[in-house]
């Protein structure tokens, strides 16, 4: 996904105010910023920093344009999204604070490892006539922003990593644009790599096991945390449900109109635009991750999460204990179980 380069300072200020978690800098390319002094990995990203990157293709600290002055149509950066599987987000939302921090830490470590791999194998710049020479780079300049929920309000831990479209070539240290062709060809691979690395880290830290689930649109299995019920994941997947409902409706209408099945079904009709989403979020006061976790637990106690539960209202403390027992049954010791649960 290639974000546009907005020109309004208000857009950046609004985005910073709506951020649910402070953005931070990533990438080995940070060493070449700030007049050679560099920028620390993990340093917070301000709205002004982001504006300089995307609007001006400039050093986020000094404001100095990196390389050639960009045209008004230049691409300022690229958005890489790293999102754990739904079972991980479900377990994260219903976990105690300590366990949530472990899951979040593993998620961030997985992003750092994938980004380092991409700097070696995916990100390149080009030199020579018509860019005929592929050049290795020092590293990328990136800003990572953590979001905790989906546009529909479901728990969905994920990060948007905004990569500046400028990098220093190792050969001469000159700032040039990134080769976007290799990046676009590798986006799915990088996402899958994040899932794999995160799975290994969570197994190492929490002892979790993984179960294969079938996909709706692929024969390749999707690996989810063993013990997280499918019905509970479905409860927190309103976006997926909306897509399926929209697809079935559009396919049915197409078959009536054209007397044949469509080659593919669009899903954009059910997607709220990013601008509308920002406007909708503006008046909402985010109460923090604890509040999101509490709301997720409230929804989890509804009538649909478990096939075996027939009552319309259950004690949610019991439900969370059951979920934890399922998640932790393969752990090395009972001490890994949470000692307390949040109170309603």
C-alpha atoms as a PDB file:
ATOM      1  CA  UNK A   1       0.000   0.000   0.000  1.00  0.00           C
ATOM      2  CA  UNK A   2       1.405   3.389  -1.026  1.00  0.00           C
ATOM      3  CA  UNK A   3       0.088   6.285   1.040  1.00  0.00           C
ATOM      4  CA  UNK A   4      -0.469   9.614  -0.623  1.00  0.00           C
ATOM      5  CA  UNK A   5       1.649  12.567   0.463  1.00  0.00           C
ATOM      6  CA  UNK A   6      -0.803  14.998   2.078  1.00  0.00           C
ATOM      7  CA  UNK A   7       0.104  18.673   2.148  1.00  0.00           C
ATOM      8  CA  UNK A   8      -2.042  19.801   5.053  1.00  0.00           C
ATOM      9  CA  UNK A   9      -0.277  20.354   8.362  1.00  0.00           C
ATOM     10  CA  UNK A  10      -3.670  19.871  10.028  1.00  0.00           C
ATOM     11  CA  UNK A  11      -3.815  16.277   8.782  1.00  0.00           C
ATOM     12  CA  UNK A  12      -0.562  15.395  10.549  1.00  0.00           C
ATOM     13  CA  UNK A  13      -1.550  17.171  13.757  1.00  0.00           C
ATOM     14  CA  UNK A  14      -4.926  15.380  13.806  1.00  0.00           C
ATOM     15  CA  UNK A  15      -3.289  12.013  13.155  1.00  0.00           C
ATOM     16  CA  UNK A  16      -0.878  12.540  16.045  1.00  0.00           C
ATOM     17  CA  UNK A  17      -3.718  13.448  18.416  1.00  0.00           C
ATOM     18  CA  UNK A  18      -5.716  10.358  17.423  1.00  0.00           C
ATOM     19  CA  UNK A  19      -2.752   7.984  17.752  1.00  0.00           C
ATOM     20  CA  UNK A  20      -3.462   5.315  20.360  1.00  0.00           C
ATOM     21  CA  UNK A  21       0.236   4.712  21.014  1.00  0.00           C
ATOM     22  CA  UNK A  22       3.246   6.985  20.402  1.00  0.00           C
ATOM     23  CA  UNK A  23       4.931   6.329  17.073  1.00  0.00           C
ATOM     24  CA  UNK A  24       8.608   5.374  17.240  1.00  0.00           C
ATOM     25  CA  UNK A  25      11.521   5.382  14.805  1.00  0.00           C
ATOM     26  CA  UNK A  26      12.926   2.172  13.326  1.00  0.00           C
ATOM     27  CA  UNK A  27      15.567   1.206  10.804  1.00  0.00           C
ATOM     28  CA  UNK A  28      19.318   1.072  10.313  1.00  0.00           C
ATOM     29  CA  UNK A  29      19.098   4.134   8.081  1.00  0.00           C
ATOM     30  CA  UNK A  30      18.553   6.345  11.131  1.00  0.00           C
ATOM     31  CA  UNK A  31      22.356   6.617  11.537  1.00  0.00           C
ATOM     32  CA  UNK A  32      22.552   8.973   8.559  1.00  0.00           C
ATOM     33  CA  UNK A  33      20.040  11.526   9.885  1.00  0.00           C
ATOM     34  CA  UNK A  34      20.352  14.654  12.006  1.00  0.00           C
ATOM     35  CA  UNK A  35      23.533  15.933  10.326  1.00  0.00           C
ATOM     36  CA  UNK A  36      25.288  12.633  10.902  1.00  0.00           C
ATOM     37  CA  UNK A  37      24.442  12.444  14.594  1.00  0.00           C
ATOM     38  CA  UNK A  38      21.796   9.832  13.936  1.00  0.00           C
ATOM     39  CA  UNK A  39      18.452   9.133  15.580  1.00  0.00           C
ATOM     40  CA  UNK A  40      17.924   6.472  18.236  1.00  0.00           C
ATOM     41  CA  UNK A  41      15.743   3.471  17.446  1.00  0.00           C
ATOM     42  CA  UNK A  42      12.631   3.797  19.604  1.00  0.00           C
ATOM     43  CA  UNK A  43      12.687   7.595  19.746  1.00  0.00           C
ATOM     44  CA  UNK A  44       9.181   9.049  19.564  1.00  0.00           C
ATOM     45  CA  UNK A  45       7.883  10.386  16.242  1.00  0.00           C
ATOM     46  CA  UNK A  46       6.113  13.743  16.285  1.00  0.00           C
ATOM     47  CA  UNK A  47       3.560  14.991  13.750  1.00  0.00           C
ATOM     48  CA  UNK A  48       6.225  17.364  12.415  1.00  0.00           C
ATOM     49  CA  UNK A  49       8.681  14.482  11.976  1.00  0.00           C
ATOM     50  CA  UNK A  50       6.118  12.517   9.972  1.00  0.00           C
ATOM     51  CA  UNK A  51       5.175  15.528   7.872  1.00  0.00           C
ATOM     52  CA  UNK A  52       8.786  16.144   6.910  1.00  0.00           C
ATOM     53  CA  UNK A  53       9.184  12.510   5.902  1.00  0.00           C
ATOM     54  CA  UNK A  54       6.061  12.058   3.792  1.00  0.00           C
ATOM     55  CA  UNK A  55       5.468  15.551   2.446  1.00  0.00           C
ATOM     56  CA  UNK A  56       9.047  16.703   1.835  1.00  0.00           C
ATOM     57  CA  UNK A  57      11.099  13.459   1.692  1.00  0.00           C
ATOM     58  CA  UNK A  58      13.275  15.186   4.248  1.00  0.00           C
ATOM     59  CA  UNK A  59      15.263  14.464   7.377  1.00  0.00           C
ATOM     60  CA  UNK A  60      12.560  14.222  10.066  1.00  0.00           C
ATOM     61  CA  UNK A  61      14.786  16.021  12.587  1.00  0.00           C
ATOM     62  CA  UNK A  62      16.439  18.816  10.605  1.00  0.00           C
ATOM     63  CA  UNK A  63      13.959  19.181   7.754  1.00  0.00           C
ATOM     64  CA  UNK A  64      16.758  18.989   5.161  1.00  0.00           C
ATOM     65  CA  UNK A  65      15.608  17.337   1.923  1.00  0.00           C
ATOM     66  CA  UNK A  66      17.297  13.966   1.458  1.00  0.00           C
ATOM     67  CA  UNK A  67      18.599  13.653  -2.108  1.00  0.00           C
ATOM     68  CA  UNK A  68      16.750  15.362  -4.929  1.00  0.00           C
ATOM     69  CA  UNK A  69      13.893  17.735  -4.201  1.00  0.00           C
ATOM     70  CA  UNK A  70      10.726  15.661  -4.763  1.00  0.00           C
ATOM     71  CA  UNK A  71       8.059  16.628  -7.258  1.00  0.00           C
ATOM     72  CA  UNK A  72       4.498  17.309  -6.146  1.00  0.00           C
ATOM     73  CA  UNK A  73       3.517  13.804  -7.337  1.00  0.00           C
ATOM     74  CA  UNK A  74       6.401  12.001  -5.641  1.00  0.00           C
ATOM     75  CA  UNK A  75       5.681   9.059  -3.342  1.00  0.00           C
ATOM     76  CA  UNK A  76       6.794  10.018   0.149  1.00  0.00           C
ATOM     77  CA  UNK A  77       6.738   6.580   1.730  1.00  0.00           C
ATOM     78  CA  UNK A  78       5.332   3.078   1.932  1.00  0.00           C
ATOM     79  CA  UNK A  79       3.015   1.565   4.532  1.00  0.00           C
ATOM     80  CA  UNK A  80       3.849  -1.946   5.725  1.00  0.00           C
ATOM     81  CA  UNK A  81       1.211  -3.437   8.033  1.00  0.00           C
ATOM     82  CA  UNK A  82       2.124  -6.155  10.516  1.00  0.00           C
ATOM     83  CA  UNK A  83      -0.896  -7.766  12.147  1.00  0.00           C
ATOM     84  CA  UNK A  84      -0.903 -10.858  14.371  1.00  0.00           C
ATOM     85  CA  UNK A  85      -3.496 -13.545  13.705  1.00  0.00           C
ATOM     86  CA  UNK A  86      -6.955 -13.069  15.180  1.00  0.00           C
ATOM     87  CA  UNK A  87      -6.365 -15.648  17.913  1.00  0.00           C
ATOM     88  CA  UNK A  88      -3.314 -13.718  19.136  1.00  0.00           C
ATOM     89  CA  UNK A  89      -5.273 -10.455  19.249  1.00  0.00           C
ATOM     90  CA  UNK A  90      -8.130 -12.232  21.015  1.00  0.00           C
ATOM     91  CA  UNK A  91      -5.831 -13.707  23.650  1.00  0.00           C
ATOM     92  CA  UNK A  92      -4.066 -10.351  23.988  1.00  0.00           C
ATOM     93  CA  UNK A  93      -7.328  -8.466  24.545  1.00  0.00           C
ATOM     94  CA  UNK A  94      -8.581 -10.899  27.208  1.00  0.00           C
ATOM     95  CA  UNK A  95      -5.261 -11.357  29.004  1.00  0.00           C
ATOM     96  CA  UNK A  96      -4.081  -9.793  32.240  1.00  0.00           C
ATOM     97  CA  UNK A  97      -1.799  -6.768  31.912  1.00  0.00           C
ATOM     98  CA  UNK A  98       1.437  -8.705  32.381  1.00  0.00           C
ATOM     99  CA  UNK A  99       0.575 -11.211  29.661  1.00  0.00           C
ATOM    100  CA  UNK A 100      -0.531  -8.421  27.324  1.00  0.00           C
ATOM    101  CA  UNK A 101       2.861  -6.791  27.733  1.00  0.00           C
ATOM    102  CA  UNK A 102       4.612 -10.066  26.854  1.00  0.00           C
ATOM    103  CA  UNK A 103       2.488 -10.482  23.713  1.00  0.00           C
ATOM    104  CA  UNK A 104       3.059  -6.874  22.687  1.00  0.00           C
ATOM    105  CA  UNK A 105       6.801  -7.191  23.287  1.00  0.00           C
ATOM    106  CA  UNK A 106       6.977 -10.322  21.112  1.00  0.00           C
ATOM    107  CA  UNK A 107       5.014  -8.510  18.397  1.00  0.00           C
ATOM    108  CA  UNK A 108       7.511  -5.635  18.419  1.00  0.00           C
ATOM    109  CA  UNK A 109      10.520  -7.973  18.363  1.00  0.00           C
ATOM    110  CA  UNK A 110       9.043  -9.797  15.380  1.00  0.00           C
ATOM    111  CA  UNK A 111       8.623  -6.510  13.515  1.00  0.00           C
ATOM    112  CA  UNK A 112      12.234  -5.534  14.227  1.00  0.00           C
ATOM    113  CA  UNK A 113      13.524  -8.898  12.989  1.00  0.00           C
ATOM    114  CA  UNK A 114      11.463  -8.776   9.783  1.00  0.00           C
ATOM    115  CA  UNK A 115      12.496  -5.188   9.107  1.00  0.00           C
ATOM    116  CA  UNK A 116      16.171  -6.092   9.537  1.00  0.00           C
ATOM    117  CA  UNK A 117      15.748  -8.967   7.086  1.00  0.00           C
ATOM    118  CA  UNK A 118      14.023  -6.664   4.590  1.00  0.00           C
ATOM    119  CA  UNK A 119      16.885  -4.175   4.819  1.00  0.00           C
ATOM    120  CA  UNK A 120      19.278  -6.935   3.764  1.00  0.00           C
ATOM    121  CA  UNK A 121      17.190  -8.762   1.179  1.00  0.00           C
ATOM    122  CA  UNK A 122      14.259  -6.627  -0.003  1.00  0.00           C
ATOM    123  CA  UNK A 123      15.009  -2.913   0.186  1.00  0.00           C
ATOM    124  CA  UNK A 124      17.360  -1.616  -2.500  1.00  0.00           C
ATOM    125  CA  UNK A 125      17.965   1.525  -4.510  1.00  0.00           C
ATOM    126  CA  UNK A 126      19.055   1.828  -8.138  1.00  0.00           C
ATOM    127  CA  UNK A 127      21.787   3.725  -9.970  1.00  0.00           C
ATOM    128  CA  UNK A 128      23.071   3.896 -13.531  1.00  0.00           C
ATOM    129  CA  UNK A 129      21.231   4.568 -16.752  1.00  0.00           C
ATOM    130  CA  UNK A 130      17.507   3.949 -16.246  1.00  0.00           C
ATOM    131  CA  UNK A 131      18.318   2.374 -12.887  1.00  0.00           C
ATOM    132  CA  UNK A 132      20.058  -0.647 -14.353  1.00  0.00           C
ATOM    133  CA  UNK A 133      22.264  -1.217 -11.260  1.00  0.00           C
ATOM    134  CA  UNK A 134      20.708  -2.519  -8.034  1.00  0.00           C
ATOM    135  CA  UNK A 135      22.440  -1.087  -4.965  1.00  0.00           C
ATOM    136  CA  UNK A 136      22.421  -2.268  -1.367  1.00  0.00           C
ATOM    137  CA  UNK A 137      21.412   0.346   1.186  1.00  0.00           C
ATOM    138  CA  UNK A 138      22.632   1.310   4.645  1.00  0.00           C
ATOM    139  CA  UNK A 139      19.111   0.819   5.951  1.00  0.00           C
ATOM    140  CA  UNK A 140      15.660   2.362   5.951  1.00  0.00           C
ATOM    141  CA  UNK A 141      14.168   5.246   7.896  1.00  0.00           C
ATOM    142  CA  UNK A 142      10.821   4.108   9.271  1.00  0.00           C
ATOM    143  CA  UNK A 143       8.187   5.190  11.769  1.00  0.00           C
ATOM    144  CA  UNK A 144       6.045   2.549  13.452  1.00  0.00           C
ATOM    145  CA  UNK A 145       2.565   3.238  14.838  1.00  0.00           C
ATOM    146  CA  UNK A 146       0.714   0.701  16.975  1.00  0.00           C
ATOM    147  CA  UNK A 147      -3.061   0.360  16.696  1.00  0.00           C
ATOM    148  CA  UNK A 148      -5.023  -1.789  19.110  1.00  0.00           C
ATOM    149  CA  UNK A 149      -8.362  -2.220  17.364  1.00  0.00           C
ATOM    150  CA  UNK A 150      -9.900  -2.494  13.924  1.00  0.00           C
ATOM    151  CA  UNK A 151     -12.034   0.137  12.230  1.00  0.00           C
ATOM    152  CA  UNK A 152     -15.068  -1.727  13.580  1.00  0.00           C
ATOM    153  CA  UNK A 153     -13.803  -1.602  17.155  1.00  0.00           C
ATOM    154  CA  UNK A 154     -12.724  -5.244  17.383  1.00  0.00           C
ATOM    155  CA  UNK A 155      -9.485  -6.003  19.234  1.00  0.00           C
ATOM    156  CA  UNK A 156      -6.801  -6.173  16.537  1.00  0.00           C
ATOM    157  CA  UNK A 157      -3.223  -5.541  17.607  1.00  0.00           C
ATOM    158  CA  UNK A 158      -1.242  -4.318  14.593  1.00  0.00           C
ATOM    159  CA  UNK A 159       1.445  -1.866  13.523  1.00  0.00           C
ATOM    160  CA  UNK A 160       1.705   0.426  10.529  1.00  0.00           C
ATOM    161  CA  UNK A 161       5.380   0.827   9.624  1.00  0.00           C
ATOM    162  CA  UNK A 162       5.788   3.897   7.408  1.00  0.00           C
ATOM    163  CA  UNK A 163       9.008   3.578   5.416  1.00  0.00           C
ATOM    164  CA  UNK A 164      10.509   6.797   4.010  1.00  0.00           C
ATOM    165  CA  UNK A 165      11.099   6.668   0.258  1.00  0.00           C
ATOM    166  CA  UNK A 166      14.728   7.665   0.674  1.00  0.00           C
ATOM    167  CA  UNK A 167      17.768   5.549   1.594  1.00  0.00           C
ATOM    168  CA  UNK A 168      21.544   5.859   1.458  1.00  0.00           C
ATOM    169  CA  UNK A 169      23.375   3.582  -0.963  1.00  0.00           C
ATOM    170  CA  UNK A 170      26.249   1.693   0.638  1.00  0.00           C
ATOM    171  CA  UNK A 171      28.458   2.387  -2.363  1.00  0.00           C
ATOM    172  CA  UNK A 172      28.521   6.192  -2.147  1.00  0.00           C
ATOM    173  CA  UNK A 173      26.259   7.300   0.725  1.00  0.00           C
ATOM    174  CA  UNK A 174      23.963   9.276  -1.583  1.00  0.00           C
ATOM    175  CA  UNK A 175      20.283   9.448  -0.666  1.00  0.00           C
ATOM    176  CA  UNK A 176      18.073   7.986  -3.394  1.00  0.00           C
ATOM    177  CA  UNK A 177      14.557   6.589  -3.740  1.00  0.00           C
ATOM    178  CA  UNK A 178      13.813   2.971  -2.898  1.00  0.00           C
ATOM    179  CA  UNK A 179      13.142   0.387  -5.593  1.00  0.00           C
ATOM    180  CA  UNK A 180       9.418  -0.088  -5.055  1.00  0.00           C
ATOM    181  CA  UNK A 181       9.122  -3.082  -7.402  1.00  0.00           C
ATOM    182  CA  UNK A 182      10.975  -5.414  -5.083  1.00  0.00           C
ATOM    183  CA  UNK A 183       9.035  -4.093  -2.108  1.00  0.00           C
ATOM    184  CA  UNK A 184       5.615  -4.662  -3.645  1.00  0.00           C
ATOM    185  CA  UNK A 185       6.608  -8.183  -4.674  1.00  0.00           C
ATOM    186  CA  UNK A 186       7.597  -8.999  -1.070  1.00  0.00           C
ATOM    187  CA  UNK A 187       4.785  -7.542   1.030  1.00  0.00           C
ATOM    188  CA  UNK A 188       2.932 -10.837   1.515  1.00  0.00           C
ATOM    189  CA  UNK A 189       6.176 -12.667   2.280  1.00  0.00           C
ATOM    190  CA  UNK A 190       7.138 -10.103   4.933  1.00  0.00           C
ATOM    191  CA  UNK A 191       3.702 -10.368   6.522  1.00  0.00           C
ATOM    192  CA  UNK A 192       3.926 -14.167   6.665  1.00  0.00           C
ATOM    193  CA  UNK A 193       7.455 -13.935   8.072  1.00  0.00           C
ATOM    194  CA  UNK A 194       6.174 -11.699  10.869  1.00  0.00           C
ATOM    195  CA  UNK A 195       3.516 -14.302  11.696  1.00  0.00           C
ATOM    196  CA  UNK A 196       6.111 -17.069  11.839  1.00  0.00           C
ATOM    197  CA  UNK A 197       8.621 -15.159  13.946  1.00  0.00           C
ATOM    198  CA  UNK A 198       5.878 -14.017  16.319  1.00  0.00           C
ATOM    199  CA  UNK A 199       4.654 -17.592  16.728  1.00  0.00           C
ATOM    200  CA  UNK A 200       8.136 -18.764  17.691  1.00  0.00           C
ATOM    201  CA  UNK A 201       8.566 -15.919  20.172  1.00  0.00           C
ATOM    202  CA  UNK A 202       5.178 -16.526  21.825  1.00  0.00           C
ATOM    203  CA  UNK A 203       5.869 -20.245  22.107  1.00  0.00           C
ATOM    204  CA  UNK A 204       9.216 -19.483  23.728  1.00  0.00           C
ATOM    205  CA  UNK A 205       7.824 -16.895  26.153  1.00  0.00           C
ATOM    206  CA  UNK A 206       4.394 -18.334  26.993  1.00  0.00           C
ATOM    207  CA  UNK A 207       4.585 -21.978  25.907  1.00  0.00           C
ATOM    208  CA  UNK A 208       1.698 -21.640  23.468  1.00  0.00           C
ATOM    209  CA  UNK A 209       0.879 -24.354  20.948  1.00  0.00           C
ATOM    210  CA  UNK A 210      -0.629 -23.767  17.496  1.00  0.00           C
ATOM    211  CA  UNK A 211      -3.463 -25.381  15.556  1.00  0.00           C
ATOM    212  CA  UNK A 212      -4.076 -25.383  11.793  1.00  0.00           C
ATOM    213  CA  UNK A 213      -7.293 -23.731  10.586  1.00  0.00           C
ATOM    214  CA  UNK A 214      -8.722 -23.801   7.081  1.00  0.00           C
ATOM    215  CA  UNK A 215      -8.904 -20.570   5.090  1.00  0.00           C
ATOM    216  CA  UNK A 216     -11.910 -19.401   3.107  1.00  0.00           C
ATOM    217  CA  UNK A 217      -9.890 -18.406   0.042  1.00  0.00           C
ATOM    218  CA  UNK A 218      -6.809 -20.644   0.136  1.00  0.00           C
ATOM    219  CA  UNK A 219      -5.819 -24.263   0.640  1.00  0.00           C
ATOM    220  CA  UNK A 220      -2.868 -23.227   2.802  1.00  0.00           C
ATOM    221  CA  UNK A 221      -3.623 -23.637   6.517  1.00  0.00           C
ATOM    222  CA  UNK A 222      -3.749 -20.668   8.836  1.00  0.00           C
ATOM    223  CA  UNK A 223      -2.125 -21.204  12.218  1.00  0.00           C
ATOM    224  CA  UNK A 224      -3.961 -19.970  15.287  1.00  0.00           C
ATOM    225  CA  UNK A 225      -3.287 -20.247  19.017  1.00  0.00           C
ATOM    226  CA  UNK A 226      -4.431 -23.655  20.238  1.00  0.00           C
ATOM    227  CA  UNK A 227      -7.260 -23.272  22.736  1.00  0.00           C
ATOM    228  CA  UNK A 228      -8.785 -20.042  21.437  1.00  0.00           C
ATOM    229  CA  UNK A 229     -12.311 -21.039  20.274  1.00  0.00           C
ATOM    230  CA  UNK A 230     -13.268 -20.268  16.689  1.00  0.00           C
ATOM    231  CA  UNK A 231     -16.569 -18.762  17.838  1.00  0.00           C
ATOM    232  CA  UNK A 232     -14.685 -16.307  20.034  1.00  0.00           C
ATOM    233  CA  UNK A 233     -12.474 -15.248  17.107  1.00  0.00           C
ATOM    234  CA  UNK A 234     -15.599 -14.829  14.972  1.00  0.00           C
ATOM    235  CA  UNK A 235     -17.113 -12.600  17.642  1.00  0.00           C
ATOM    236  CA  UNK A 236     -14.186 -10.224  17.215  1.00  0.00           C
ATOM    237  CA  UNK A 237     -14.141 -10.344  13.383  1.00  0.00           C
ATOM    238  CA  UNK A 238     -16.880  -7.910  12.355  1.00  0.00           C
ATOM    239  CA  UNK A 239     -14.867  -6.737   9.342  1.00  0.00           C
ATOM    240  CA  UNK A 240     -14.545 -10.282   7.980  1.00  0.00           C
ATOM    241  CA  UNK A 241     -18.249 -10.899   8.563  1.00  0.00           C
ATOM    242  CA  UNK A 242     -19.100  -7.676   6.722  1.00  0.00           C
ATOM    243  CA  UNK A 243     -16.924  -8.691   3.756  1.00  0.00           C
ATOM    244  CA  UNK A 244     -18.549 -12.128   3.526  1.00  0.00           C
ATOM    245  CA  UNK A 245     -22.050 -10.654   3.725  1.00  0.00           C
ATOM    246  CA  UNK A 246     -21.220  -8.015   1.091  1.00  0.00           C
ATOM    247  CA  UNK A 247     -19.628 -10.609  -1.184  1.00  0.00           C
ATOM    248  CA  UNK A 248     -22.637 -12.927  -1.019  1.00  0.00           C
ATOM    249  CA  UNK A 249     -25.005 -10.043  -1.720  1.00  0.00           C
ATOM    250  CA  UNK A 250     -22.964  -8.722  -4.662  1.00  0.00           C
ATOM    251  CA  UNK A 251     -22.430 -12.174  -6.161  1.00  0.00           C
ATOM    252  CA  UNK A 252     -26.136 -12.949  -5.963  1.00  0.00           C
ATOM    253  CA  UNK A 253     -27.041  -9.658  -7.647  1.00  0.00           C
ATOM    254  CA  UNK A 254     -24.391 -10.158 -10.356  1.00  0.00           C
ATOM    255  CA  UNK A 255     -25.700 -13.633 -11.170  1.00  0.00           C
ATOM    256  CA  UNK A 256     -29.232 -12.255 -11.486  1.00  0.00           C
ATOM    257  CA  UNK A 257     -28.076  -9.439 -13.772  1.00  0.00           C
ATOM    258  CA  UNK A 258     -25.594 -11.367 -15.943  1.00  0.00           C
ATOM    259  CA  UNK A 259     -26.696 -15.013 -15.630  1.00  0.00           C
ATOM    260  CA  UNK A 260     -23.201 -16.142 -14.717  1.00  0.00           C
ATOM    261  CA  UNK A 261     -20.833 -16.123 -11.761  1.00  0.00           C
ATOM    262  CA  UNK A 262     -18.469 -13.122 -11.470  1.00  0.00           C
ATOM    263  CA  UNK A 263     -14.728 -13.540 -11.884  1.00  0.00           C
ATOM    264  CA  UNK A 264     -14.143 -11.762  -8.580  1.00  0.00           C
ATOM    265  CA  UNK A 265     -16.137  -9.863  -5.987  1.00  0.00           C
ATOM    266  CA  UNK A 266     -15.172  -6.401  -4.745  1.00  0.00           C
ATOM    267  CA  UNK A 267     -14.878  -5.896  -0.996  1.00  0.00           C
ATOM    268  CA  UNK A 268     -14.288  -2.153  -0.946  1.00  0.00           C
ATOM    269  CA  UNK A 269     -17.998  -1.359  -0.610  1.00  0.00           C
ATOM    270  CA  UNK A 270     -18.011  -2.494   3.024  1.00  0.00           C
ATOM    271  CA  UNK A 271     -14.791  -0.630   3.891  1.00  0.00           C
ATOM    272  CA  UNK A 272     -15.146   2.762   5.572  1.00  0.00           C
ATOM    273  CA  UNK A 273     -12.682   5.254   4.120  1.00  0.00           C
ATOM    274  CA  UNK A 274      -9.654   6.198   6.197  1.00  0.00           C
ATOM    275  CA  UNK A 275     -10.717   9.843   6.197  1.00  0.00           C
ATOM    276  CA  UNK A 276     -14.224   8.981   7.404  1.00  0.00           C
ATOM    277  CA  UNK A 277     -12.684   6.698  10.011  1.00  0.00           C
ATOM    278  CA  UNK A 278     -10.519   9.541  11.335  1.00  0.00           C
ATOM    279  CA  UNK A 279     -13.513  11.853  11.465  1.00  0.00           C
ATOM    280  CA  UNK A 280     -15.544   9.226  13.290  1.00  0.00           C
ATOM    281  CA  UNK A 281     -12.731   8.640  15.759  1.00  0.00           C
ATOM    282  CA  UNK A 282     -12.092  12.318  16.459  1.00  0.00           C
ATOM    283  CA  UNK A 283     -14.802  12.836  19.117  1.00  0.00           C
ATOM    284  CA  UNK A 284     -14.070   9.507  20.781  1.00  0.00           C
ATOM    285  CA  UNK A 285     -11.829   9.578  23.826  1.00  0.00           C
ATOM    286  CA  UNK A 286      -9.643   6.487  23.888  1.00  0.00           C
ATOM    287  CA  UNK A 287      -9.622   5.117  27.422  1.00  0.00           C
ATOM    288  CA  UNK A 288      -6.543   2.935  27.021  1.00  0.00           C
ATOM    289  CA  UNK A 289      -5.719  -0.710  26.508  1.00  0.00           C
ATOM    290  CA  UNK A 290      -7.242  -1.724  29.849  1.00  0.00           C
ATOM    291  CA  UNK A 291     -10.598  -0.294  28.772  1.00  0.00           C
ATOM    292  CA  UNK A 292     -10.365  -2.091  25.419  1.00  0.00           C
ATOM    293  CA  UNK A 293      -9.591  -5.335  27.234  1.00  0.00           C
ATOM    294  CA  UNK A 294     -12.562  -4.822  29.565  1.00  0.00           C
ATOM    295  CA  UNK A 295     -14.896  -4.155  26.615  1.00  0.00           C
ATOM    296  CA  UNK A 296     -13.587  -7.245  24.807  1.00  0.00           C
ATOM    297  CA  UNK A 297     -14.277  -9.365  27.885  1.00  0.00           C
ATOM    298  CA  UNK A 298     -17.797  -7.910  28.095  1.00  0.00           C
ATOM    299  CA  UNK A 299     -18.452  -8.936  24.492  1.00  0.00           C
ATOM    300  CA  UNK A 300     -16.873 -12.358  25.031  1.00  0.00           C
ATOM    301  CA  UNK A 301     -19.461 -13.255  27.660  1.00  0.00           C
ATOM    302  CA  UNK A 302     -22.294 -12.875  25.130  1.00  0.00           C
ATOM    303  CA  UNK A 303     -24.354 -15.771  23.801  1.00  0.00           C
ATOM    304  CA  UNK A 304     -22.114 -16.719  20.828  1.00  0.00           C
ATOM    305  CA  UNK A 305     -18.508 -17.365  21.916  1.00  0.00           C
ATOM    306  CA  UNK A 306     -18.687 -21.072  22.774  1.00  0.00           C
ATOM    307  CA  UNK A 307     -20.683 -23.794  21.051  1.00  0.00           C
ATOM    308  CA  UNK A 308     -21.055 -25.691  24.323  1.00  0.00           C
ATOM    309  CA  UNK A 309     -22.548 -22.752  26.239  1.00  0.00           C
ATOM    310  CA  UNK A 310     -26.302 -22.427  25.921  1.00  0.00           C
ATOM    311  CA  UNK A 311     -27.029 -19.688  28.465  1.00  0.00           C
ATOM    312  CA  UNK A 312     -27.302 -16.083  27.270  1.00  0.00           C
ATOM    313  CA  UNK A 313     -25.287 -14.647  30.139  1.00  0.00           C
ATOM    314  CA  UNK A 314     -22.308 -16.269  31.852  1.00  0.00           C
ATOM    315  CA  UNK A 315     -19.865 -15.233  34.522  1.00  0.00           C
ATOM    316  CA  UNK A 316     -17.042 -13.675  32.524  1.00  0.00           C
ATOM    317  CA  UNK A 317     -14.450 -14.425  35.211  1.00  0.00           C
ATOM    318  CA  UNK A 318     -15.207 -18.100  34.669  1.00  0.00           C
ATOM    319  CA  UNK A 319     -15.010 -17.608  30.880  1.00  0.00           C
ATOM    320  CA  UNK A 320     -11.558 -16.013  31.099  1.00  0.00           C
ATOM    321  CA  UNK A 321     -10.339 -18.728  33.444  1.00  0.00           C
ATOM    322  CA  UNK A 322     -11.536 -21.318  30.936  1.00  0.00           C
ATOM    323  CA  UNK A 323      -9.763 -19.546  28.076  1.00  0.00           C
ATOM    324  CA  UNK A 324      -6.544 -19.294  30.062  1.00  0.00           C
ATOM    325  CA  UNK A 325      -6.690 -22.944  31.018  1.00  0.00           C
ATOM    326  CA  UNK A 326      -6.995 -23.841  27.351  1.00  0.00           C
ATOM    327  CA  UNK A 327      -4.129 -21.535  26.350  1.00  0.00           C
ATOM    328  CA  UNK A 328      -1.849 -22.636  29.147  1.00  0.00           C
ATOM    329  CA  UNK A 329      -2.448 -26.378  29.185  1.00  0.00           C
ATOM    330  CA  UNK A 330       0.812 -26.970  27.304  1.00  0.00           C
ATOM    331  CA  UNK A 331       2.900 -24.579  29.400  1.00  0.00           C
ATOM    332  CA  UNK A 332       5.803 -25.855  31.447  1.00  0.00           C
ATOM    333  CA  UNK A 333       4.351 -24.952  34.845  1.00  0.00           C
ATOM    334  CA  UNK A 334       1.083 -23.766  36.411  1.00  0.00           C
ATOM    335  CA  UNK A 335       2.886 -20.639  37.661  1.00  0.00           C
ATOM    336  CA  UNK A 336       2.425 -19.098  34.211  1.00  0.00           C
ATOM    337  CA  UNK A 337      -1.300 -18.777  34.816  1.00  0.00           C
ATOM    338  CA  UNK A 338      -2.423 -15.262  35.810  1.00  0.00           C
ATOM    339  CA  UNK A 339      -2.913 -14.845  39.514  1.00  0.00           C
ATOM    340  CA  UNK A 340      -5.709 -12.296  39.134  1.00  0.00           C
ATOM    341  CA  UNK A 341      -8.244 -11.219  36.554  1.00  0.00           C
ATOM    342  CA  UNK A 342      -9.696  -7.745  35.988  1.00  0.00           C
ATOM    343  CA  UNK A 343     -12.874  -6.897  37.864  1.00  0.00           C
ATOM    344  CA  UNK A 344     -16.090  -5.786  36.285  1.00  0.00           C
END
